[in-house]
Amino acid sequence: MRLLLTNDDGITSPGLLLFAAALRKAGHKVFVLAPSADRSGVSHSITFLKGPNKIVRVDNDTWSCDGTPVDCVIIGLMGGLPECMPLDAVVSGINRGANLGTDLVYSGTAAAARQGALCNIPSLALSLVQGDIWYWDMAVTFAVERFTEMLAFWKPGCFVNVNIPGQKEIPHDLVHAFPSLRYYNDSMETYYAPDGQRYCFARAGEISARPDKGSDWEAVAGNNASISDILIHPALLGRYDVGKQVRMEQ
């Protein structure tokens, strides 16, 4: 397959480079276009509407972009990298950290896959949940072994989101799950400087999740990888079978 690979952790991320190498070894033609620096948490931000993005070749079939993950996908699919056309799929990851449930609102990794799906290209986002260390070799091995199965889960109107548990062992299975409800418990500190200016610092709190049966959080907590089909467009919500989802009771 001909794949466009991107991420939001930046062009030097091990999750990106190890995955690209493994996909190529498995026989895929991989074109990497990823942000030149960490763009975590930028969601679906697009910067090139305000000016051009610079593309720099860093290796064979590998480029960096000074924009966001979504910029990378738009550039790749709209002819900014004619070398990579045509493409069979857009792949985002492997991300450094979970993208479970509510995380998808903020994730640049997820947004890149969403943008690919908005262009009606099969699109997949993959993330590695943090463990006691980063088990990149395990995650890459699992992702390549199950890659065809993961991508076959795609259908128009969705992108595919996968979370791999942060453990040494290969996950027990790949489990279809719905997005969990996550709580971030963040706080804000305000500092008034001698120059009279006010500075606000966000302090990340401990993340928790509702332990709903069938959620991606439950799947990963059970040492499985979760796979979810995520709707890409508000217009589709009225046709979505919400009866199968856990009701979000406040």
Protein backbone atom coordinates (compact mmCIF):
# COMPACT_ATOMS: atom_id res chain seq x y z
CA MET A 1 0.00 0.00 0.00
CA ARG A 2 1.01 3.63 -0.52
CA LEU A 3 0.74 5.38 2.84
CA LEU A 4 1.08 8.96 4.07
CA LEU A 5 2.43 8.78 7.64
CA THR A 6 2.29 11.74 10.02
CA ASN A 7 1.98 12.47 13.76
CA ASP A 8 1.74 15.33 16.26
CA ASP A 9 4.90 14.53 18.27
CA GLY A 10 7.22 15.76 15.53
CA ILE A 11 9.50 14.37 12.86
CA THR A 12 12.04 12.93 15.35
CA SER A 13 9.55 10.91 17.39
CA PRO A 14 10.53 7.23 17.80
CA GLY A 15 6.90 6.22 17.40
CA LEU A 16 6.91 7.74 13.91
CA LEU A 17 10.34 6.64 12.70
CA LEU A 18 10.23 3.07 14.03
CA PHE A 19 6.73 2.60 12.63
CA ALA A 20 7.74 3.98 9.22
CA ALA A 21 10.72 1.61 9.05
CA ALA A 22 8.62 -1.39 10.06
CA LEU A 23 5.86 -0.61 7.55
CA ARG A 24 8.46 -0.30 4.79
CA LYS A 25 10.02 -3.61 5.81
CA ALA A 26 6.54 -5.16 5.59
CA GLY A 27 6.32 -4.06 1.95
CA HIS A 28 4.42 -0.78 2.12
CA LYS A 29 5.49 2.37 0.31
CA VAL A 30 5.60 4.95 3.10
CA PHE A 31 5.82 8.72 2.65
CA VAL A 32 6.45 10.59 5.92
CA LEU A 33 5.33 14.21 6.28
CA ALA A 34 5.31 15.27 9.93
CA PRO A 35 5.59 18.51 11.92
CA SER A 36 9.08 19.88 12.41
CA ALA A 37 8.47 20.08 16.20
CA ASP A 38 6.03 18.79 18.80
CA ARG A 39 2.46 19.83 17.98
CA SER A 40 0.66 17.80 20.65
CA GLY A 41 -2.77 19.13 21.63
CA VAL A 42 -3.31 21.31 18.57
CA SER A 43 -6.49 19.43 17.59
CA HIS A 44 -7.65 20.30 14.04
CA SER A 45 -5.66 23.53 13.79
CA ILE A 46 -4.74 24.64 10.25
CA THR A 47 -1.96 27.22 9.88
CA PHE A 48 -1.36 27.48 6.15
CA LEU A 49 -4.58 29.50 5.75
CA LYS A 50 -2.52 32.39 7.15
CA GLY A 51 0.58 31.77 5.07
CA PRO A 52 2.75 29.10 3.44
CA ASN A 53 4.20 26.06 5.17
CA LYS A 54 7.84 25.17 4.58
CA ILE A 55 8.56 21.57 3.59
CA VAL A 56 12.08 20.25 4.24
CA ARG A 57 13.36 16.92 2.96
CA VAL A 58 15.10 15.09 5.84
CA ASP A 59 15.55 11.59 4.35
CA ASN A 60 14.33 9.32 1.57
CA ASP A 61 10.56 9.77 1.25
CA THR A 62 10.62 11.77 4.50
CA TRP A 63 9.86 15.46 4.98
CA SER A 64 9.18 17.86 7.83
CA CYS A 65 6.58 20.62 7.77
CA ASP A 66 6.51 23.72 9.97
CA GLY A 67 2.73 23.44 10.28
CA THR A 68 0.35 21.15 12.14
CA PRO A 69 -0.56 17.48 11.60
CA VAL A 70 -3.67 18.55 9.67
CA ASP A 71 -1.54 20.84 7.50
CA CYS A 72 0.66 17.82 6.71
CA VAL A 73 -2.32 15.75 5.56
CA ILE A 74 -3.85 18.56 3.50
CA ILE A 75 -0.50 19.23 1.80
CA GLY A 76 0.02 15.55 1.12
CA LEU A 77 -3.45 15.00 -0.33
CA MET A 78 -3.67 18.25 -2.32
CA GLY A 79 -0.47 17.87 -4.32
CA GLY A 80 2.15 19.54 -2.13
CA LEU A 81 4.10 16.29 -2.30
CA PRO A 82 3.41 15.02 -5.83
CA GLU A 83 5.94 12.24 -5.16
CA CYS A 84 3.47 10.46 -2.89
CA MET A 85 0.39 10.50 -5.11
CA PRO A 86 -1.77 8.50 -5.38
CA LEU A 87 -2.28 7.35 -1.79
CA ASP A 88 -4.17 4.39 -0.38
CA ALA A 89 -4.39 5.54 3.25
CA VAL A 90 -3.42 8.16 5.82
CA VAL A 91 -1.82 6.89 9.04
CA SER A 92 -1.16 9.05 12.10
CA GLY A 93 1.17 7.88 14.89
CA ILE A 94 2.29 5.97 16.72
CA ASN A 95 1.51 8.71 19.25
CA ARG A 96 3.42 9.14 22.50
CA GLY A 97 0.55 8.75 24.97
CA ALA A 98 -3.07 7.66 24.99
CA ASN A 99 -5.81 9.09 22.81
CA LEU A 100 -8.77 7.59 24.63
CA GLY A 101 -12.29 8.98 24.52
CA THR A 102 -12.36 12.69 25.34
CA ASP A 103 -8.67 13.00 24.38
CA LEU A 104 -9.82 12.93 20.76
CA VAL A 105 -11.18 16.47 21.10
CA TYR A 106 -7.65 17.81 21.67
CA SER A 107 -5.44 15.37 19.81
CA GLY A 108 -3.44 16.43 16.78
CA THR A 109 -2.84 12.73 16.07
CA ALA A 110 -6.58 12.09 15.83
CA ALA A 111 -7.12 15.28 13.82
CA ALA A 112 -4.69 14.14 11.13
CA ALA A 113 -6.67 10.93 10.67
CA ARG A 114 -9.92 12.91 10.72
CA GLN A 115 -8.63 15.14 7.93
CA GLY A 116 -7.72 12.14 5.81
CA ALA A 117 -11.20 10.69 6.32
CA LEU A 118 -12.78 14.05 5.44
CA CYS A 119 -11.07 13.60 2.07
CA ASN A 120 -12.61 10.12 1.87
CA ILE A 121 -9.24 8.40 2.31
CA PRO A 122 -9.05 5.40 4.68
CA SER A 123 -7.44 6.89 7.80
CA LEU A 124 -6.04 5.43 10.98
CA ALA A 125 -4.73 6.99 14.22
CA LEU A 126 -2.58 4.91 16.58
CA SER A 127 -1.41 5.72 20.11
CA LEU A 128 0.71 4.00 22.75
CA VAL A 129 -0.52 4.39 26.32
CA GLN A 130 2.28 5.36 28.70
CA GLY A 131 3.64 2.51 30.80
CA ASP A 132 6.60 2.35 33.16
CA ILE A 133 8.71 2.89 30.03
CA TRP A 134 7.76 3.52 26.40
CA TYR A 135 7.33 0.08 24.80
CA TRP A 136 7.86 1.20 21.22
CA ASP A 137 9.10 -2.13 19.87
CA MET A 138 6.02 -3.92 21.20
CA ALA A 139 3.67 -1.25 19.84
CA VAL A 140 5.29 -1.23 16.39
CA THR A 141 5.28 -5.02 16.17
CA PHE A 142 1.61 -5.20 17.11
CA ALA A 143 0.61 -2.35 14.81
CA VAL A 144 2.34 -3.86 11.78
CA GLU A 145 1.02 -7.37 12.46
CA ARG A 146 -2.57 -6.12 12.75
CA PHE A 147 -2.29 -3.22 10.31
CA THR A 148 -4.44 -4.69 7.54
CA GLU A 149 -7.14 -5.63 10.06
CA MET A 150 -7.10 -2.16 11.60
CA LEU A 151 -7.37 -0.38 8.27
CA ALA A 152 -10.14 -2.72 7.08
CA PHE A 153 -12.20 -1.39 10.00
CA TRP A 154 -12.47 1.97 8.21
CA LYS A 155 -15.69 3.04 6.51
CA PRO A 156 -16.71 6.37 4.91
CA GLY A 157 -17.71 9.00 7.44
CA CYS A 158 -15.31 7.76 10.13
CA PHE A 159 -11.67 7.44 11.00
CA VAL A 160 -10.22 4.52 12.96
CA ASN A 161 -8.69 5.15 16.38
CA VAL A 162 -6.45 2.55 18.05
CA ASN A 163 -4.88 2.61 21.52
CA ILE A 164 -2.19 0.10 22.44
CA PRO A 165 -1.64 -0.59 26.17
CA GLY A 166 1.71 0.42 27.63
CA GLN A 167 3.09 -2.99 28.52
CA LYS A 168 5.95 -5.27 27.50
CA GLU A 169 3.71 -8.06 26.22
CA ILE A 170 1.74 -7.98 22.97
CA PRO A 171 -1.92 -7.08 23.75
CA HIS A 172 -4.31 -9.98 24.22
CA ASP A 173 -6.53 -8.83 21.36
CA LEU A 174 -7.84 -5.93 19.31
CA VAL A 175 -11.20 -5.02 20.87
CA HIS A 176 -13.92 -2.89 19.29
CA ALA A 177 -14.81 -0.20 21.84
CA PHE A 178 -16.59 3.14 22.08
CA PRO A 179 -14.81 6.32 23.26
CA SER A 180 -14.68 6.72 27.03
CA LEU A 181 -15.54 9.80 29.07
CA ARG A 182 -12.29 11.19 30.52
CA TYR A 183 -11.73 13.66 33.39
CA TYR A 184 -8.56 15.75 33.50
CA ASN A 185 -8.74 17.39 36.94
CA ASP A 186 -6.47 20.23 35.81
CA SER A 187 -5.87 23.44 37.76
CA MET A 188 -4.71 26.97 37.08
CA GLU A 189 -2.12 29.05 38.90
CA THR A 190 -1.88 32.80 38.41
CA TYR A 191 1.29 34.80 38.98
CA TYR A 192 1.46 38.58 39.08
CA ALA A 193 4.91 39.67 37.95
CA PRO A 194 6.77 42.77 39.13
CA ASP A 195 6.17 44.32 35.69
CA GLY A 196 2.44 44.29 36.46
CA GLN A 197 1.61 41.57 33.96
CA ARG A 198 -0.43 38.50 34.82
CA TYR A 199 0.84 35.01 33.93
CA CYS A 200 -1.37 31.91 34.06
CA PHE A 201 0.08 28.42 34.37
CA ALA A 202 -1.96 25.28 33.70
CA ARG A 203 -1.17 22.39 36.04
CA ALA A 204 -2.05 18.97 34.69
CA GLY A 205 -4.05 16.84 37.09
CA GLU A 206 -4.43 13.09 37.31
CA ILE A 207 -6.53 11.78 34.43
CA SER A 208 -9.40 9.44 35.24
CA ALA A 209 -12.15 7.83 33.19
CA ARG A 210 -15.66 6.54 33.69
CA PRO A 211 -15.31 2.76 33.90
CA ASP A 212 -18.06 2.05 31.38
CA LYS A 213 -18.33 -1.48 30.05
CA GLY A 214 -17.34 -1.61 26.40
CA SER A 215 -15.29 1.61 26.46
CA ASP A 216 -11.81 2.04 25.02
CA TRP A 217 -10.56 2.73 28.55
CA GLU A 218 -11.89 -0.65 29.73
CA ALA A 219 -10.32 -2.43 26.76
CA VAL A 220 -6.86 -0.97 27.41
CA ALA A 221 -7.15 -1.54 31.17
CA GLY A 222 -7.75 -5.22 30.34
CA ASN A 223 -4.45 -5.40 28.41
CA ASN A 224 -6.20 -5.26 25.03
CA ALA A 225 -5.74 -2.75 22.26
CA SER A 226 -8.89 -0.74 21.60
CA ILE A 227 -10.21 0.06 18.13
CA SER A 228 -12.98 2.59 17.58
CA ASP A 229 -14.74 4.08 14.58
CA ILE A 230 -14.98 7.84 15.16
CA LEU A 231 -17.47 9.99 13.28
CA ILE A 232 -15.82 12.84 11.41
CA HIS A 233 -18.66 15.27 10.66
CA PRO A 234 -21.52 16.82 12.66
CA ALA A 235 -23.91 16.20 9.78
CA LEU A 236 -23.57 12.47 10.39
CA LEU A 237 -24.67 12.62 14.02
CA GLY A 238 -28.38 12.50 13.24
CA ARG A 239 -27.90 9.19 11.45
CA TYR A 240 -25.70 7.62 14.10
CA ASP A 241 -27.14 4.75 16.15
CA VAL A 242 -26.70 6.30 19.58
CA GLY A 243 -28.84 3.61 21.14
CA LYS A 244 -25.81 1.35 21.33
CA GLN A 245 -23.77 3.90 23.23
CA VAL A 246 -23.59 4.39 26.97
CA ARG A 247 -25.73 7.39 27.92
CA MET A 248 -23.61 10.29 29.12
CA GLU A 249 -25.29 11.08 32.41
CA GLN A 250 -23.93 14.16 34.12
